[in-house]
Amino acid sequence: MGIRRPARETRQRLEHKTLDERFLGIVRTGLGCSAFEAEAVLEVVREVYGPYLGMTPAEMLPGKISLMAVDADEPPGKSVAQCQLRAIVVTVHQGSTDDRLMQEQGVAAWRRSRLADVCQEALSQGALLTREDLAYRVFFVGTRTISRDLAALRSEQPNTPVPLRSTVQDIGPVLTHRVEIVRQALAGKTVTEICRAAHHAPTSVANYLSTFIRCAQLSLQGVHATQIAFLLRRGRSLVEQYIELAASAEKDPNQADHLNALLEVGWLEKKRRSRRSRP
């Protein structure tokens, strides 16, 4: 087993998040080309269409930047080189409001005020950012600086996790924000209230609740957490936390009512799907 080189690994992951890599991935997957053939196709495209397409990016509004990020549907444990990428546009600078904040409280305060919104903006476009993306593609600082900013945000707003790939896909030790969203639903909050508090799109909240419902249903049927994680393509720790949430909700009269309502919706949706699948 060789010696790990974190700096080189970071550089390699960033190299895979480019338009060229997205094109090569589509060609390899869609046409079944080898890596050499895909490179050859890319060179031909550059030679033929380059003069007509131009070398400058499309015009965007001031304060926005375009970058490549990993698709939000890509599961954990998959290398960036094998992941589907999305081209997204995020708002880094909001004009005079941000200028005033930087002058009065400093650059660090401005950066922390933008972190959650930038990550949510990426998620709403179907992509997830990482600490490396925020450090080297958005704010142009070191990863340690971003880690300090995230730690400060977690201490200031513990109930509003930042939607990074590590938290959304249950990678790393930080409590995934999915658990907090489900906890708010079990407390009786509506989807609109959850979206406002967590800075999430309704579709994302509905997806998290759907996964929780499926975990709870399978657990009630006696399916083990490891099997549930395999069936739903989710991390085992996330599944175990969902099962614990469901178990604790059953002991609380108020949460039990909301849990039963969610499970009832899940059973009805399951019946609808089974009816549609019948010939």
C-alpha atoms as a PDB file:
ATOM      1  CA  MET A   1       0.000   0.000   0.000  1.00  0.00           C
ATOM      2  CA  GLY A   2       1.545   3.289  -1.147  1.00  0.00           C
ATOM      3  CA  ILE A   3       1.882   6.533   0.772  1.00  0.00           C
ATOM      4  CA  ARG A   4      -1.093   8.852   0.360  1.00  0.00           C
ATOM      5  CA  ARG A   5      -0.417  12.279  -1.101  1.00  0.00           C
ATOM      6  CA  PRO A   6      -3.411  14.491  -0.205  1.00  0.00           C
ATOM      7  CA  ALA A   7      -2.266  17.442  -2.295  1.00  0.00           C
ATOM      8  CA  ARG A   8      -1.954  15.315  -5.432  1.00  0.00           C
ATOM      9  CA  GLU A   9      -5.300  13.605  -4.758  1.00  0.00           C
ATOM     10  CA  THR A  10      -6.987  16.993  -4.421  1.00  0.00           C
ATOM     11  CA  ARG A  11      -5.419  18.178  -7.674  1.00  0.00           C
ATOM     12  CA  GLN A  12      -6.561  15.033  -9.477  1.00  0.00           C
ATOM     13  CA  ARG A  13     -10.150  15.411  -8.237  1.00  0.00           C
ATOM     14  CA  LEU A  14     -10.248  19.033  -9.387  1.00  0.00           C
ATOM     15  CA  GLU A  15      -8.858  18.070 -12.803  1.00  0.00           C
ATOM     16  CA  HIS A  16     -11.866  15.796 -13.319  1.00  0.00           C
ATOM     17  CA  LYS A  17     -14.309  18.688 -12.799  1.00  0.00           C
ATOM     18  CA  THR A  18     -13.919  20.387 -16.195  1.00  0.00           C
ATOM     19  CA  LEU A  19     -15.967  20.655 -19.373  1.00  0.00           C
ATOM     20  CA  ASP A  20     -13.442  18.474 -21.184  1.00  0.00           C
ATOM     21  CA  GLU A  21     -13.873  15.700 -18.613  1.00  0.00           C
ATOM     22  CA  ARG A  22     -17.651  15.943 -18.863  1.00  0.00           C
ATOM     23  CA  PHE A  23     -17.453  15.600 -22.661  1.00  0.00           C
ATOM     24  CA  LEU A  24     -15.038  12.674 -22.394  1.00  0.00           C
ATOM     25  CA  GLY A  25     -17.307  10.947 -19.885  1.00  0.00           C
ATOM     26  CA  ILE A  26     -20.344  11.303 -22.150  1.00  0.00           C
ATOM     27  CA  VAL A  27     -18.425   9.957 -25.151  1.00  0.00           C
ATOM     28  CA  ARG A  28     -17.011   6.993 -23.223  1.00  0.00           C
ATOM     29  CA  THR A  29     -20.366   6.090 -21.680  1.00  0.00           C
ATOM     30  CA  GLY A  30     -22.700   6.894 -24.560  1.00  0.00           C
ATOM     31  CA  LEU A  31     -20.599   5.618 -27.461  1.00  0.00           C
ATOM     32  CA  GLY A  32     -18.602   2.950 -25.660  1.00  0.00           C
ATOM     33  CA  CYS A  33     -15.322   4.540 -26.717  1.00  0.00           C
ATOM     34  CA  SER A  34     -11.995   3.900 -25.072  1.00  0.00           C
ATOM     35  CA  ALA A  35     -10.187   6.731 -23.300  1.00  0.00           C
ATOM     36  CA  PHE A  36      -7.871   7.141 -26.306  1.00  0.00           C
ATOM     37  CA  GLU A  37     -10.779   7.305 -28.768  1.00  0.00           C
ATOM     38  CA  ALA A  38     -12.648   9.796 -26.582  1.00  0.00           C
ATOM     39  CA  GLU A  39      -9.565  12.061 -26.486  1.00  0.00           C
ATOM     40  CA  ALA A  40      -9.325  11.855 -30.262  1.00  0.00           C
ATOM     41  CA  VAL A  41     -12.982  12.870 -30.650  1.00  0.00           C
ATOM     42  CA  LEU A  42     -12.440  15.810 -28.301  1.00  0.00           C
ATOM     43  CA  GLU A  43      -9.464  17.023 -30.321  1.00  0.00           C
ATOM     44  CA  VAL A  44     -11.509  16.867 -33.545  1.00  0.00           C
ATOM     45  CA  VAL A  45     -14.350  18.831 -31.932  1.00  0.00           C
ATOM     46  CA  ARG A  46     -11.895  21.484 -30.783  1.00  0.00           C
ATOM     47  CA  GLU A  47     -10.323  21.713 -34.228  1.00  0.00           C
ATOM     48  CA  VAL A  48     -13.583  21.895 -36.176  1.00  0.00           C
ATOM     49  CA  TYR A  49     -15.901  23.882 -33.889  1.00  0.00           C
ATOM     50  CA  GLY A  50     -13.421  25.891 -31.833  1.00  0.00           C
ATOM     51  CA  PRO A  51     -13.153  28.847 -34.264  1.00  0.00           C
ATOM     52  CA  TYR A  52     -16.953  29.108 -34.497  1.00  0.00           C
ATOM     53  CA  LEU A  53     -17.803  28.664 -30.837  1.00  0.00           C
ATOM     54  CA  GLY A  54     -15.113  31.011 -29.587  1.00  0.00           C
ATOM     55  CA  MET A  55     -12.863  30.568 -26.586  1.00  0.00           C
ATOM     56  CA  THR A  56     -14.652  32.900 -24.139  1.00  0.00           C
ATOM     57  CA  PRO A  57     -17.444  31.717 -21.814  1.00  0.00           C
ATOM     58  CA  ALA A  58     -21.024  32.856 -22.255  1.00  0.00           C
ATOM     59  CA  GLU A  59     -21.864  36.223 -20.732  1.00  0.00           C
ATOM     60  CA  MET A  60     -23.227  36.123 -17.199  1.00  0.00           C
ATOM     61  CA  LEU A  61     -24.529  38.677 -14.777  1.00  0.00           C
ATOM     62  CA  PRO A  62     -21.950  40.416 -12.531  1.00  0.00           C
ATOM     63  CA  GLY A  63     -21.079  38.512  -9.373  1.00  0.00           C
ATOM     64  CA  LYS A  64     -21.806  35.076 -10.845  1.00  0.00           C
ATOM     65  CA  ILE A  65     -19.357  32.339 -11.793  1.00  0.00           C
ATOM     66  CA  SER A  66     -19.727  29.100 -13.737  1.00  0.00           C
ATOM     67  CA  LEU A  67     -18.121  25.842 -12.634  1.00  0.00           C
ATOM     68  CA  MET A  68     -18.441  22.069 -12.893  1.00  0.00           C
ATOM     69  CA  ALA A  69     -19.698  20.079  -9.907  1.00  0.00           C
ATOM     70  CA  VAL A  70     -20.649  16.477  -9.147  1.00  0.00           C
ATOM     71  CA  ASP A  71     -24.256  15.526  -9.904  1.00  0.00           C
ATOM     72  CA  ALA A  72     -26.380  15.393  -6.736  1.00  0.00           C
ATOM     73  CA  ASP A  73     -27.644  11.889  -7.583  1.00  0.00           C
ATOM     74  CA  GLU A  74     -24.172  10.352  -7.592  1.00  0.00           C
ATOM     75  CA  PRO A  75     -23.862   7.955  -4.606  1.00  0.00           C
ATOM     76  CA  PRO A  76     -21.073   8.117  -1.997  1.00  0.00           C
ATOM     77  CA  GLY A  77     -17.994   5.963  -2.454  1.00  0.00           C
ATOM     78  CA  LYS A  78     -17.743   6.743  -6.170  1.00  0.00           C
ATOM     79  CA  SER A  79     -14.621   8.512  -7.418  1.00  0.00           C
ATOM     80  CA  VAL A  80     -15.015  11.934  -9.005  1.00  0.00           C
ATOM     81  CA  ALA A  81     -13.529  10.564 -12.242  1.00  0.00           C
ATOM     82  CA  GLN A  82     -16.519   8.196 -12.566  1.00  0.00           C
ATOM     83  CA  CYS A  83     -19.209  10.674 -11.513  1.00  0.00           C
ATOM     84  CA  GLN A  84     -21.529  12.587 -13.810  1.00  0.00           C
ATOM     85  CA  LEU A  85     -20.873  16.333 -13.704  1.00  0.00           C
ATOM     86  CA  ARG A  86     -23.134  19.351 -14.072  1.00  0.00           C
ATOM     87  CA  ALA A  87     -22.336  22.846 -15.287  1.00  0.00           C
ATOM     88  CA  ILE A  88     -23.777  25.287 -12.745  1.00  0.00           C
ATOM     89  CA  VAL A  89     -23.815  29.019 -12.121  1.00  0.00           C
ATOM     90  CA  VAL A  90     -23.607  30.373  -8.571  1.00  0.00           C
ATOM     91  CA  THR A  91     -23.799  33.886  -7.153  1.00  0.00           C
ATOM     92  CA  VAL A  92     -20.632  34.803  -5.265  1.00  0.00           C
ATOM     93  CA  HIS A  93     -21.040  38.564  -4.914  1.00  0.00           C
ATOM     94  CA  GLN A  94     -24.372  40.364  -4.423  1.00  0.00           C
ATOM     95  CA  GLY A  95     -23.274  43.935  -4.984  1.00  0.00           C
ATOM     96  CA  SER A  96     -23.380  46.783  -2.480  1.00  0.00           C
ATOM     97  CA  THR A  97     -24.800  44.610   0.323  1.00  0.00           C
ATOM     98  CA  ASP A  98     -21.737  42.363   0.256  1.00  0.00           C
ATOM     99  CA  ASP A  99     -19.408  45.343  -0.140  1.00  0.00           C
ATOM    100  CA  ARG A 100     -20.844  46.901   3.002  1.00  0.00           C
ATOM    101  CA  LEU A 101     -20.518  43.625   4.920  1.00  0.00           C
ATOM    102  CA  MET A 102     -16.859  43.233   3.929  1.00  0.00           C
ATOM    103  CA  GLN A 103     -16.057  46.806   4.947  1.00  0.00           C
ATOM    104  CA  GLU A 104     -17.834  46.560   8.298  1.00  0.00           C
ATOM    105  CA  GLN A 105     -17.116  42.966   9.386  1.00  0.00           C
ATOM    106  CA  GLY A 106     -14.312  41.744   7.124  1.00  0.00           C
ATOM    107  CA  VAL A 107     -13.881  39.246   4.310  1.00  0.00           C
ATOM    108  CA  ALA A 108     -14.350  36.201   6.561  1.00  0.00           C
ATOM    109  CA  ALA A 109     -17.810  37.383   7.630  1.00  0.00           C
ATOM    110  CA  TRP A 110     -18.798  37.973   4.014  1.00  0.00           C
ATOM    111  CA  ARG A 111     -17.531  34.544   2.971  1.00  0.00           C
ATOM    112  CA  ARG A 112     -19.482  32.829   5.739  1.00  0.00           C
ATOM    113  CA  SER A 113     -22.614  34.742   4.784  1.00  0.00           C
ATOM    114  CA  ARG A 114     -22.355  33.392   1.216  1.00  0.00           C
ATOM    115  CA  LEU A 115     -21.339  29.766   1.905  1.00  0.00           C
ATOM    116  CA  ALA A 116     -24.777  28.304   2.604  1.00  0.00           C
ATOM    117  CA  ASP A 117     -26.463  30.209  -0.233  1.00  0.00           C
ATOM    118  CA  VAL A 118     -23.812  29.163  -2.762  1.00  0.00           C
ATOM    119  CA  CYS A 119     -24.154  25.492  -1.773  1.00  0.00           C
ATOM    120  CA  GLN A 120     -27.955  25.679  -1.860  1.00  0.00           C
ATOM    121  CA  GLU A 121     -27.839  27.387  -5.256  1.00  0.00           C
ATOM    122  CA  ALA A 122     -25.723  24.511  -6.556  1.00  0.00           C
ATOM    123  CA  LEU A 123     -28.097  21.930  -5.049  1.00  0.00           C
ATOM    124  CA  SER A 124     -31.106  23.605  -6.665  1.00  0.00           C
ATOM    125  CA  GLN A 125     -29.361  23.064 -10.019  1.00  0.00           C
ATOM    126  CA  GLY A 126     -28.839  19.365  -9.281  1.00  0.00           C
ATOM    127  CA  ALA A 127     -25.199  19.471  -8.157  1.00  0.00           C
ATOM    128  CA  LEU A 128     -23.272  19.263  -4.889  1.00  0.00           C
ATOM    129  CA  LEU A 129     -20.182  21.263  -3.985  1.00  0.00           C
ATOM    130  CA  THR A 130     -17.271  20.094  -1.860  1.00  0.00           C
ATOM    131  CA  ARG A 131     -14.829  21.943   0.375  1.00  0.00           C
ATOM    132  CA  GLU A 132     -12.328  21.802  -2.470  1.00  0.00           C
ATOM    133  CA  ASP A 133     -14.816  23.400  -4.873  1.00  0.00           C
ATOM    134  CA  LEU A 134     -15.529  26.205  -2.418  1.00  0.00           C
ATOM    135  CA  ALA A 135     -11.827  26.732  -1.709  1.00  0.00           C
ATOM    136  CA  TYR A 136     -10.289  26.550  -5.181  1.00  0.00           C
ATOM    137  CA  ARG A 137     -13.157  27.375  -7.564  1.00  0.00           C
ATOM    138  CA  VAL A 138     -15.379  29.826  -5.687  1.00  0.00           C
ATOM    139  CA  PHE A 139     -13.633  31.770  -2.900  1.00  0.00           C
ATOM    140  CA  PHE A 140      -9.964  31.079  -3.804  1.00  0.00           C
ATOM    141  CA  VAL A 141      -8.748  30.335  -0.291  1.00  0.00           C
ATOM    142  CA  GLY A 142      -7.351  27.225   1.388  1.00  0.00           C
ATOM    143  CA  THR A 143      -9.473  24.257   2.417  1.00  0.00           C
ATOM    144  CA  ARG A 144      -8.588  24.895   6.068  1.00  0.00           C
ATOM    145  CA  THR A 145     -10.152  28.346   5.782  1.00  0.00           C
ATOM    146  CA  ILE A 146     -13.354  26.817   4.406  1.00  0.00           C
ATOM    147  CA  SER A 147     -13.334  24.215   7.201  1.00  0.00           C
ATOM    148  CA  ARG A 148     -13.064  26.993   9.806  1.00  0.00           C
ATOM    149  CA  ASP A 149     -15.920  28.871   8.135  1.00  0.00           C
ATOM    150  CA  LEU A 150     -18.098  25.759   8.136  1.00  0.00           C
ATOM    151  CA  ALA A 151     -17.299  25.063  11.793  1.00  0.00           C
ATOM    152  CA  ALA A 152     -18.291  28.628  12.670  1.00  0.00           C
ATOM    153  CA  LEU A 153     -21.556  28.282  10.760  1.00  0.00           C
ATOM    154  CA  ARG A 154     -22.352  24.983  12.501  1.00  0.00           C
ATOM    155  CA  SER A 155     -21.843  26.599  15.908  1.00  0.00           C
ATOM    156  CA  GLU A 156     -23.944  29.656  14.998  1.00  0.00           C
ATOM    157  CA  GLN A 157     -26.706  27.739  13.165  1.00  0.00           C
ATOM    158  CA  PRO A 158     -26.653  24.111  14.358  1.00  0.00           C
ATOM    159  CA  ASN A 159     -30.105  23.384  12.917  1.00  0.00           C
ATOM    160  CA  THR A 160     -29.272  24.628   9.409  1.00  0.00           C
ATOM    161  CA  PRO A 161     -26.517  22.405   7.957  1.00  0.00           C
ATOM    162  CA  VAL A 162     -24.764  23.537   4.786  1.00  0.00           C
ATOM    163  CA  PRO A 163     -25.672  21.175   1.879  1.00  0.00           C
ATOM    164  CA  LEU A 164     -22.195  19.962   0.896  1.00  0.00           C
ATOM    165  CA  ARG A 165     -21.627  16.632  -0.854  1.00  0.00           C
ATOM    166  CA  SER A 166     -20.191  15.266   2.391  1.00  0.00           C
ATOM    167  CA  THR A 167     -23.359  16.060   4.365  1.00  0.00           C
ATOM    168  CA  VAL A 168     -25.958  15.309   1.701  1.00  0.00           C
ATOM    169  CA  GLN A 169     -24.396  11.988   0.682  1.00  0.00           C
ATOM    170  CA  ASP A 170     -23.563  11.011   4.263  1.00  0.00           C
ATOM    171  CA  ILE A 171     -19.782  11.221   3.754  1.00  0.00           C
ATOM    172  CA  GLY A 172     -17.722  12.110   6.809  1.00  0.00           C
ATOM    173  CA  PRO A 173     -18.494  12.609  10.502  1.00  0.00           C
ATOM    174  CA  VAL A 174     -20.759  15.674  10.227  1.00  0.00           C
ATOM    175  CA  LEU A 175     -24.461  15.047  10.925  1.00  0.00           C
ATOM    176  CA  THR A 176     -26.241  14.954   7.597  1.00  0.00           C
ATOM    177  CA  HIS A 177     -28.775  17.720   7.076  1.00  0.00           C
ATOM    178  CA  ARG A 178     -31.319  15.131   5.920  1.00  0.00           C
ATOM    179  CA  VAL A 179     -31.752  13.969   9.506  1.00  0.00           C
ATOM    180  CA  GLU A 180     -32.504  17.487  10.716  1.00  0.00           C
ATOM    181  CA  ILE A 181     -35.061  18.006   7.948  1.00  0.00           C
ATOM    182  CA  VAL A 182     -36.848  14.759   8.842  1.00  0.00           C
ATOM    183  CA  ARG A 183     -36.752  15.722  12.519  1.00  0.00           C
ATOM    184  CA  GLN A 184     -38.498  18.998  11.677  1.00  0.00           C
ATOM    185  CA  ALA A 185     -41.166  17.121   9.691  1.00  0.00           C
ATOM    186  CA  LEU A 186     -41.785  14.808  12.645  1.00  0.00           C
ATOM    187  CA  ALA A 187     -42.169  17.896  14.826  1.00  0.00           C
ATOM    188  CA  GLY A 188     -45.093  18.963  12.644  1.00  0.00           C
ATOM    189  CA  LYS A 189     -43.512  21.584  10.398  1.00  0.00           C
ATOM    190  CA  THR A 190     -44.814  21.889   6.857  1.00  0.00           C
ATOM    191  CA  VAL A 191     -42.651  21.532   3.766  1.00  0.00           C
ATOM    192  CA  THR A 192     -42.837  25.298   3.235  1.00  0.00           C
ATOM    193  CA  GLU A 193     -41.603  25.981   6.767  1.00  0.00           C
ATOM    194  CA  ILE A 194     -38.787  23.440   6.398  1.00  0.00           C
ATOM    195  CA  CYS A 195     -37.699  24.936   3.074  1.00  0.00           C
ATOM    196  CA  ARG A 196     -37.605  28.401   4.597  1.00  0.00           C
ATOM    197  CA  ALA A 197     -35.626  27.288   7.651  1.00  0.00           C
ATOM    198  CA  ALA A 198     -33.179  24.962   5.845  1.00  0.00           C
ATOM    199  CA  HIS A 199     -32.839  27.021   2.639  1.00  0.00           C
ATOM    200  CA  HIS A 200     -33.869  23.991   0.576  1.00  0.00           C
ATOM    201  CA  ALA A 201     -35.982  23.494  -2.511  1.00  0.00           C
ATOM    202  CA  PRO A 202     -39.342  21.700  -2.017  1.00  0.00           C
ATOM    203  CA  THR A 203     -38.261  18.881  -4.329  1.00  0.00           C
ATOM    204  CA  SER A 204     -35.182  18.192  -2.191  1.00  0.00           C
ATOM    205  CA  VAL A 205     -37.202  18.132   1.044  1.00  0.00           C
ATOM    206  CA  ALA A 206     -39.791  15.821  -0.539  1.00  0.00           C
ATOM    207  CA  ASN A 207     -37.005  13.492  -1.676  1.00  0.00           C
ATOM    208  CA  TYR A 208     -35.496  13.296   1.825  1.00  0.00           C
ATOM    209  CA  LEU A 209     -38.885  12.589   3.404  1.00  0.00           C
ATOM    210  CA  SER A 210     -39.578   9.917   0.789  1.00  0.00           C
ATOM    211  CA  THR A 211     -36.306   8.150   1.638  1.00  0.00           C
ATOM    212  CA  PHE A 212     -37.103   8.331   5.352  1.00  0.00           C
ATOM    213  CA  ILE A 213     -40.566   6.871   4.774  1.00  0.00           C
ATOM    214  CA  ARG A 214     -39.133   3.977   2.769  1.00  0.00           C
ATOM    215  CA  CYS A 215     -36.550   3.296   5.495  1.00  0.00           C
ATOM    216  CA  ALA A 216     -39.245   3.294   8.183  1.00  0.00           C
ATOM    217  CA  GLN A 217     -41.521   1.026   6.149  1.00  0.00           C
ATOM    218  CA  LEU A 218     -38.788  -1.507   5.435  1.00  0.00           C
ATOM    219  CA  SER A 219     -37.695  -1.450   9.067  1.00  0.00           C
ATOM    220  CA  LEU A 220     -41.264  -2.192  10.180  1.00  0.00           C
ATOM    221  CA  GLN A 221     -41.209  -5.195   7.848  1.00  0.00           C
ATOM    222  CA  GLY A 222     -38.118  -6.515   9.615  1.00  0.00           C
ATOM    223  CA  VAL A 223     -35.532  -5.631   6.966  1.00  0.00           C
ATOM    224  CA  HIS A 224     -32.038  -5.074   8.428  1.00  0.00           C
ATOM    225  CA  ALA A 225     -30.395  -1.651   8.157  1.00  0.00           C
ATOM    226  CA  THR A 226     -27.611  -3.020   5.950  1.00  0.00           C
ATOM    227  CA  GLN A 227     -30.145  -4.422   3.490  1.00  0.00           C
ATOM    228  CA  ILE A 228     -32.124  -1.163   3.508  1.00  0.00           C
ATOM    229  CA  ALA A 229     -28.939   0.785   2.732  1.00  0.00           C
ATOM    230  CA  PHE A 230     -28.224  -1.556  -0.188  1.00  0.00           C
ATOM    231  CA  LEU A 231     -31.777  -1.393  -1.556  1.00  0.00           C
ATOM    232  CA  LEU A 232     -32.049   2.396  -1.322  1.00  0.00           C
ATOM    233  CA  ARG A 233     -28.415   3.098  -2.249  1.00  0.00           C
ATOM    234  CA  ARG A 234     -27.877   5.184   0.884  1.00  0.00           C
ATOM    235  CA  GLY A 235     -25.204   5.134   3.562  1.00  0.00           C
ATOM    236  CA  ARG A 236     -25.775   2.693   6.417  1.00  0.00           C
ATOM    237  CA  SER A 237     -25.238   5.358   9.082  1.00  0.00           C
ATOM    238  CA  LEU A 238     -27.952   7.523   7.490  1.00  0.00           C
ATOM    239  CA  VAL A 239     -30.364   4.569   7.403  1.00  0.00           C
ATOM    240  CA  GLU A 240     -29.626   3.766  11.045  1.00  0.00           C
ATOM    241  CA  GLN A 241     -30.276   7.385  12.034  1.00  0.00           C
ATOM    242  CA  TYR A 242     -33.588   7.313  10.150  1.00  0.00           C
ATOM    243  CA  ILE A 243     -34.602   4.110  11.944  1.00  0.00           C
ATOM    244  CA  GLU A 244     -33.672   5.651  15.306  1.00  0.00           C
ATOM    245  CA  LEU A 245     -35.728   8.741  14.462  1.00  0.00           C
ATOM    246  CA  ALA A 246     -38.740   6.580  13.621  1.00  0.00           C
ATOM    247  CA  ALA A 247     -38.333   4.552  16.818  1.00  0.00           C
ATOM    248  CA  SER A 248     -38.072   7.643  19.021  1.00  0.00           C
ATOM    249  CA  ALA A 249     -41.036   9.249  17.242  1.00  0.00           C
ATOM    250  CA  GLU A 250     -43.220   6.253  18.118  1.00  0.00           C
ATOM    251  CA  LYS A 251     -42.640   6.964  21.836  1.00  0.00           C
ATOM    252  CA  ASP A 252     -43.746  10.601  21.563  1.00  0.00           C
ATOM    253  CA  PRO A 253     -47.526  11.057  21.113  1.00  0.00           C
ATOM    254  CA  ASN A 254     -47.214  14.202  18.995  1.00  0.00           C
ATOM    255  CA  GLN A 255     -44.423  12.871  16.765  1.00  0.00           C
ATOM    256  CA  ALA A 256     -46.185   9.496  16.477  1.00  0.00           C
ATOM    257  CA  ASP A 257     -49.166  11.199  14.816  1.00  0.00           C
ATOM    258  CA  HIS A 258     -46.927  12.910  12.264  1.00  0.00           C
ATOM    259  CA  LEU A 259     -44.983   9.683  11.696  1.00  0.00           C
ATOM    260  CA  ASN A 260     -48.189   7.753  11.037  1.00  0.00           C
ATOM    261  CA  ALA A 261     -49.314  10.457   8.622  1.00  0.00           C
ATOM    262  CA  LEU A 262     -46.025  10.208   6.698  1.00  0.00           C
ATOM    263  CA  LEU A 263     -46.203   6.398   6.628  1.00  0.00           C
ATOM    264  CA  GLU A 264     -49.806   6.519   5.427  1.00  0.00           C
ATOM    265  CA  VAL A 265     -48.790   8.775   2.560  1.00  0.00           C
ATOM    266  CA  GLY A 266     -45.972   6.353   1.759  1.00  0.00           C
ATOM    267  CA  TRP A 267     -48.276   3.320   1.719  1.00  0.00           C
ATOM    268  CA  LEU A 268     -50.765   5.114  -0.559  1.00  0.00           C
ATOM    269  CA  GLU A 269     -47.977   6.083  -2.957  1.00  0.00           C
ATOM    270  CA  LYS A 270     -46.729   2.479  -2.966  1.00  0.00           C
ATOM    271  CA  LYS A 271     -50.231   1.242  -3.856  1.00  0.00           C
ATOM    272  CA  ARG A 272     -50.487   3.749  -6.704  1.00  0.00           C
ATOM    273  CA  ARG A 273     -47.171   2.568  -8.126  1.00  0.00           C
ATOM    274  CA  SER A 274     -48.189  -1.094  -7.905  1.00  0.00           C
ATOM    275  CA  ARG A 275     -51.459  -0.358  -9.710  1.00  0.00           C
ATOM    276  CA  ARG A 276     -49.635   1.493 -12.496  1.00  0.00           C
ATOM    277  CA  SER A 277     -47.228  -1.418 -12.951  1.00  0.00           C
ATOM    278  CA  ARG A 278     -50.047  -3.954 -13.417  1.00  0.00           C
ATOM    279  CA  PRO A 279     -50.789  -4.919 -17.036  1.00  0.00           C
END
